[in-house]
Amino acid sequence: MHTTLVKTEIATPLGTMIAIADMHYLYLLQFTDMPKLTHHIQRLERRTQASIISGINAVTAQLAHELEHYFTGTLQNFTVPIRPYGTSFQINTWQALRTVPYGVTTSYTHLAHMICHPTAHRAVANANGTNDIIIIIPCHRIVRHGGELGGYGAGVERKKWLIEHEAMSRMSAR
């Protein structure tokens, strides 16, 4: 059975994002201007053995609605179902990332400790870099040990904006 995935573009305050999903799960969420976007999409096509067509489905519609509320500061926890593809180490890293609270940052080193691999901070950083579902798997919340922002596939300025946006939204929700 051949699978078809739907690709939807979603406008956000930080630029247009592309979402790829089937009828049940979101597989990819990236900014359209990311340098490695084509690589992320090709990897997804290989892993799922699916064709990708433009359109909208229930998952991408839910995502668009949740992103709208996230960017207005009224949504802190996404409920759209996701299915990340990766190694068991990457999946464990991404699951731990999802436990980092909204509006809070932590270090690569701390995240390595969270997944019981205390010396694997470089591997954790690499797992962050291969995350196909940004914002929902909040790799932007991970900073260097000294608090420096570090890298971000969507650009350090976006990472800074996301961190500040969440911190301000969290403060105003109190």
C-alpha atoms as a PDB file:
ATOM      1  CA  MET A   1       0.000   0.000   0.000  1.00  0.00           C
ATOM      2  CA  HIS A   2       1.393   3.370  -1.034  1.00  0.00           C
ATOM      3  CA  THR A   3       1.074   6.227   1.427  1.00  0.00           C
ATOM      4  CA  THR A   4       0.406   9.824   0.489  1.00  0.00           C
ATOM      5  CA  LEU A   5       1.439  12.673   2.757  1.00  0.00           C
ATOM      6  CA  VAL A   6       0.007  16.174   2.573  1.00  0.00           C
ATOM      7  CA  LYS A   7       2.251  19.243   2.522  1.00  0.00           C
ATOM      8  CA  THR A   8       0.711  22.469   3.834  1.00  0.00           C
ATOM      9  CA  GLU A   9       2.287  25.922   4.079  1.00  0.00           C
ATOM     10  CA  ILE A  10       1.416  27.900   7.218  1.00  0.00           C
ATOM     11  CA  ALA A  11       2.141  31.607   7.668  1.00  0.00           C
ATOM     12  CA  THR A  12       3.634  32.583  11.042  1.00  0.00           C
ATOM     13  CA  PRO A  13       5.137  35.774  12.477  1.00  0.00           C
ATOM     14  CA  LEU A  14       8.600  34.246  11.900  1.00  0.00           C
ATOM     15  CA  GLY A  15       8.013  33.242   8.299  1.00  0.00           C
ATOM     16  CA  THR A  16       6.229  30.569   6.331  1.00  0.00           C
ATOM     17  CA  MET A  17       6.422  27.041   7.679  1.00  0.00           C
ATOM     18  CA  ILE A  18       5.849  23.771   5.884  1.00  0.00           C
ATOM     19  CA  ALA A  19       3.973  20.945   7.582  1.00  0.00           C
ATOM     20  CA  ILE A  20       3.829  17.394   6.259  1.00  0.00           C
ATOM     21  CA  ALA A  21       1.297  14.947   7.664  1.00  0.00           C
ATOM     22  CA  ASP A  22      -0.895  11.988   6.897  1.00  0.00           C
ATOM     23  CA  MET A  23      -4.449  11.657   8.213  1.00  0.00           C
ATOM     24  CA  HIS A  24      -3.169  10.656  11.667  1.00  0.00           C
ATOM     25  CA  TYR A  25       0.212  12.262  12.404  1.00  0.00           C
ATOM     26  CA  LEU A  26       2.444  15.235  11.746  1.00  0.00           C
ATOM     27  CA  TYR A  27       5.852  14.134  10.433  1.00  0.00           C
ATOM     28  CA  LEU A  28       7.573  17.426   9.653  1.00  0.00           C
ATOM     29  CA  LEU A  29       7.343  21.082  10.618  1.00  0.00           C
ATOM     30  CA  GLN A  30      10.078  23.396   9.331  1.00  0.00           C
ATOM     31  CA  PHE A  31      10.495  26.931   8.039  1.00  0.00           C
ATOM     32  CA  THR A  32      10.443  27.058   4.241  1.00  0.00           C
ATOM     33  CA  ASP A  33      13.705  29.017   4.088  1.00  0.00           C
ATOM     34  CA  MET A  34      15.749  26.561   6.147  1.00  0.00           C
ATOM     35  CA  PRO A  35      18.927  25.527   4.316  1.00  0.00           C
ATOM     36  CA  LYS A  36      18.417  21.800   5.000  1.00  0.00           C
ATOM     37  CA  LEU A  37      14.674  21.691   4.248  1.00  0.00           C
ATOM     38  CA  THR A  38      15.104  19.663   1.066  1.00  0.00           C
ATOM     39  CA  HIS A  39      17.265  17.159   2.960  1.00  0.00           C
ATOM     40  CA  HIS A  40      14.618  16.832   5.719  1.00  0.00           C
ATOM     41  CA  ILE A  41      11.860  16.235   3.143  1.00  0.00           C
ATOM     42  CA  GLN A  42      13.902  13.713   1.141  1.00  0.00           C
ATOM     43  CA  ARG A  43      14.779  11.815   4.324  1.00  0.00           C
ATOM     44  CA  LEU A  44      11.080  11.723   5.269  1.00  0.00           C
ATOM     45  CA  GLU A  45      10.127  10.438   1.803  1.00  0.00           C
ATOM     46  CA  ARG A  46      12.714   7.642   2.094  1.00  0.00           C
ATOM     47  CA  ARG A  47      11.659   6.661   5.609  1.00  0.00           C
ATOM     48  CA  THR A  48       7.934   6.624   4.882  1.00  0.00           C
ATOM     49  CA  GLN A  49       8.171   5.509   1.231  1.00  0.00           C
ATOM     50  CA  ALA A  50       5.379   8.000   0.615  1.00  0.00           C
ATOM     51  CA  SER A  51       4.611  10.559  -2.025  1.00  0.00           C
ATOM     52  CA  ILE A  52       3.968  14.122  -0.920  1.00  0.00           C
ATOM     53  CA  ILE A  53       1.246  16.293  -2.414  1.00  0.00           C
ATOM     54  CA  SER A  54       0.167  19.838  -1.598  1.00  0.00           C
ATOM     55  CA  GLY A  55      -3.054  20.188   0.355  1.00  0.00           C
ATOM     56  CA  ILE A  56      -4.660  20.404   3.765  1.00  0.00           C
ATOM     57  CA  ASN A  57      -5.978  17.651   5.999  1.00  0.00           C
ATOM     58  CA  ALA A  58      -7.314  17.431   9.551  1.00  0.00           C
ATOM     59  CA  VAL A  59      -3.830  17.191  11.085  1.00  0.00           C
ATOM     60  CA  THR A  60      -2.403  20.199   9.241  1.00  0.00           C
ATOM     61  CA  ALA A  61      -5.580  22.190   9.934  1.00  0.00           C
ATOM     62  CA  GLN A  62      -5.264  21.410  13.663  1.00  0.00           C
ATOM     63  CA  LEU A  63      -1.589  22.349  13.534  1.00  0.00           C
ATOM     64  CA  ALA A  64      -2.331  25.686  11.837  1.00  0.00           C
ATOM     65  CA  HIS A  65      -4.898  26.468  14.541  1.00  0.00           C
ATOM     66  CA  GLU A  66      -2.498  25.506  17.354  1.00  0.00           C
ATOM     67  CA  LEU A  67       0.403  27.463  15.832  1.00  0.00           C
ATOM     68  CA  GLU A  68      -1.810  30.542  15.589  1.00  0.00           C
ATOM     69  CA  HIS A  69      -2.533  30.288  19.317  1.00  0.00           C
ATOM     70  CA  TYR A  70       1.093  29.484  20.141  1.00  0.00           C
ATOM     71  CA  PHE A  71       2.281  32.628  18.361  1.00  0.00           C
ATOM     72  CA  THR A  72      -0.330  34.777  20.138  1.00  0.00           C
ATOM     73  CA  GLY A  73       0.878  33.380  23.471  1.00  0.00           C
ATOM     74  CA  THR A  74      -2.336  31.553  24.340  1.00  0.00           C
ATOM     75  CA  LEU A  75      -1.134  27.968  23.735  1.00  0.00           C
ATOM     76  CA  GLN A  76       1.702  26.354  25.648  1.00  0.00           C
ATOM     77  CA  ASN A  77       1.148  22.649  24.930  1.00  0.00           C
ATOM     78  CA  PHE A  78       0.535  21.255  21.474  1.00  0.00           C
ATOM     79  CA  THR A  79      -1.931  18.397  21.121  1.00  0.00           C
ATOM     80  CA  VAL A  80      -1.473  17.681  17.409  1.00  0.00           C
ATOM     81  CA  PRO A  81      -0.327  14.050  17.126  1.00  0.00           C
ATOM     82  CA  ILE A  82       3.255  13.673  15.923  1.00  0.00           C
ATOM     83  CA  ARG A  83       5.352  10.810  14.611  1.00  0.00           C
ATOM     84  CA  PRO A  84       9.050  11.645  14.568  1.00  0.00           C
ATOM     85  CA  TYR A  85      11.426   9.345  12.700  1.00  0.00           C
ATOM     86  CA  GLY A  86      14.894   8.739  14.089  1.00  0.00           C
ATOM     87  CA  THR A  87      17.187   6.410  15.958  1.00  0.00           C
ATOM     88  CA  SER A  88      16.227   5.282  19.444  1.00  0.00           C
ATOM     89  CA  PHE A  89      18.727   7.807  20.859  1.00  0.00           C
ATOM     90  CA  GLN A  90      17.156  10.632  18.829  1.00  0.00           C
ATOM     91  CA  ILE A  91      13.623   9.597  19.823  1.00  0.00           C
ATOM     92  CA  ASN A  92      14.653   9.515  23.510  1.00  0.00           C
ATOM     93  CA  THR A  93      16.240  12.952  23.158  1.00  0.00           C
ATOM     94  CA  TRP A  94      13.131  14.376  21.480  1.00  0.00           C
ATOM     95  CA  GLN A  95      10.853  12.870  24.125  1.00  0.00           C
ATOM     96  CA  ALA A  96      12.985  14.502  26.828  1.00  0.00           C
ATOM     97  CA  LEU A  97      12.867  17.795  24.919  1.00  0.00           C
ATOM     98  CA  ARG A  98       9.076  17.728  25.109  1.00  0.00           C
ATOM     99  CA  THR A  99       9.318  17.700  28.916  1.00  0.00           C
ATOM    100  CA  VAL A 100      11.241  20.975  29.031  1.00  0.00           C
ATOM    101  CA  PRO A 101       8.565  23.418  30.209  1.00  0.00           C
ATOM    102  CA  TYR A 102       7.269  26.210  28.016  1.00  0.00           C
ATOM    103  CA  GLY A 103       9.229  29.394  28.619  1.00  0.00           C
ATOM    104  CA  VAL A 104      12.186  27.567  30.185  1.00  0.00           C
ATOM    105  CA  THR A 105      15.577  26.780  28.700  1.00  0.00           C
ATOM    106  CA  THR A 106      18.003  24.051  29.646  1.00  0.00           C
ATOM    107  CA  SER A 107      21.447  23.009  28.466  1.00  0.00           C
ATOM    108  CA  TYR A 108      22.573  20.250  26.160  1.00  0.00           C
ATOM    109  CA  THR A 109      24.446  18.814  29.151  1.00  0.00           C
ATOM    110  CA  HIS A 110      21.318  18.788  31.320  1.00  0.00           C
ATOM    111  CA  LEU A 111      19.338  17.164  28.519  1.00  0.00           C
ATOM    112  CA  ALA A 112      22.048  14.484  28.224  1.00  0.00           C
ATOM    113  CA  HIS A 113      21.629  13.795  31.949  1.00  0.00           C
ATOM    114  CA  MET A 114      17.838  13.647  31.521  1.00  0.00           C
ATOM    115  CA  ILE A 115      18.195  10.780  29.036  1.00  0.00           C
ATOM    116  CA  CYS A 116      20.782   8.978  31.218  1.00  0.00           C
ATOM    117  CA  HIS A 117      23.717   9.660  28.894  1.00  0.00           C
ATOM    118  CA  PRO A 118      25.582  12.300  30.931  1.00  0.00           C
ATOM    119  CA  THR A 119      28.565  12.558  28.584  1.00  0.00           C
ATOM    120  CA  ALA A 120      26.519  12.661  25.368  1.00  0.00           C
ATOM    121  CA  HIS A 121      25.940  16.418  25.131  1.00  0.00           C
ATOM    122  CA  ARG A 122      27.370  16.498  21.578  1.00  0.00           C
ATOM    123  CA  ALA A 123      25.124  13.624  20.511  1.00  0.00           C
ATOM    124  CA  VAL A 124      22.176  15.462  22.087  1.00  0.00           C
ATOM    125  CA  ALA A 125      23.107  18.565  20.074  1.00  0.00           C
ATOM    126  CA  ASN A 126      23.234  16.443  16.908  1.00  0.00           C
ATOM    127  CA  ALA A 127      19.818  14.950  17.714  1.00  0.00           C
ATOM    128  CA  ASN A 128      18.474  18.487  18.104  1.00  0.00           C
ATOM    129  CA  GLY A 129      19.850  19.311  14.672  1.00  0.00           C
ATOM    130  CA  THR A 130      18.002  16.407  13.055  1.00  0.00           C
ATOM    131  CA  ASN A 131      14.638  17.250  14.646  1.00  0.00           C
ATOM    132  CA  ASP A 132      12.070  17.403  11.833  1.00  0.00           C
ATOM    133  CA  ILE A 133       9.246  18.780  13.998  1.00  0.00           C
ATOM    134  CA  ILE A 134      10.527  22.097  15.315  1.00  0.00           C
ATOM    135  CA  ILE A 135       8.614  24.177  17.877  1.00  0.00           C
ATOM    136  CA  ILE A 136       6.431  21.180  18.849  1.00  0.00           C
ATOM    137  CA  ILE A 137       9.591  19.259  19.716  1.00  0.00           C
ATOM    138  CA  PRO A 138      11.081  22.405  21.259  1.00  0.00           C
ATOM    139  CA  CYS A 139      14.759  22.169  20.368  1.00  0.00           C
ATOM    140  CA  HIS A 140      14.855  25.979  20.579  1.00  0.00           C
ATOM    141  CA  ARG A 141      14.684  25.634  24.397  1.00  0.00           C
ATOM    142  CA  ILE A 142      18.143  24.058  24.551  1.00  0.00           C
ATOM    143  CA  VAL A 143      21.097  26.399  25.058  1.00  0.00           C
ATOM    144  CA  ARG A 144      24.778  25.972  25.750  1.00  0.00           C
ATOM    145  CA  HIS A 145      25.897  25.280  29.309  1.00  0.00           C
ATOM    146  CA  GLY A 146      26.863  28.934  29.924  1.00  0.00           C
ATOM    147  CA  GLY A 147      23.490  30.180  28.653  1.00  0.00           C
ATOM    148  CA  GLU A 148      24.631  31.116  25.133  1.00  0.00           C
ATOM    149  CA  LEU A 149      21.977  30.414  22.531  1.00  0.00           C
ATOM    150  CA  GLY A 150      24.085  28.089  20.395  1.00  0.00           C
ATOM    151  CA  GLY A 151      22.948  27.032  16.959  1.00  0.00           C
ATOM    152  CA  TYR A 152      19.464  26.535  15.577  1.00  0.00           C
ATOM    153  CA  GLY A 153      18.621  25.154  12.153  1.00  0.00           C
ATOM    154  CA  ALA A 154      15.995  27.860  11.622  1.00  0.00           C
ATOM    155  CA  GLY A 155      18.469  30.608  12.588  1.00  0.00           C
ATOM    156  CA  VAL A 156      19.652  31.987  15.901  1.00  0.00           C
ATOM    157  CA  GLU A 157      17.418  35.073  15.572  1.00  0.00           C
ATOM    158  CA  ARG A 158      14.337  32.837  15.418  1.00  0.00           C
ATOM    159  CA  LYS A 159      15.602  30.837  18.393  1.00  0.00           C
ATOM    160  CA  LYS A 160      16.055  34.042  20.378  1.00  0.00           C
ATOM    161  CA  TRP A 161      12.566  35.237  19.377  1.00  0.00           C
ATOM    162  CA  LEU A 162      10.953  31.917  20.377  1.00  0.00           C
ATOM    163  CA  ILE A 163      12.701  31.853  23.760  1.00  0.00           C
ATOM    164  CA  GLU A 164      11.751  35.473  24.503  1.00  0.00           C
ATOM    165  CA  HIS A 165       8.188  34.956  23.241  1.00  0.00           C
ATOM    166  CA  GLU A 166       7.665  31.952  25.514  1.00  0.00           C
ATOM    167  CA  ALA A 167       9.246  33.667  28.528  1.00  0.00           C
ATOM    168  CA  MET A 168       7.037  36.747  28.096  1.00  0.00           C
ATOM    169  CA  SER A 169       3.892  34.674  27.472  1.00  0.00           C
ATOM    170  CA  ARG A 170       4.630  32.550  30.528  1.00  0.00           C
ATOM    171  CA  MET A 171       5.110  35.635  32.696  1.00  0.00           C
ATOM    172  CA  SER A 172       1.881  37.263  31.498  1.00  0.00           C
ATOM    173  CA  ALA A 173      -0.067  34.031  32.109  1.00  0.00           C
ATOM    174  CA  ARG A 174       0.761  34.147  35.816  1.00  0.00           C
END
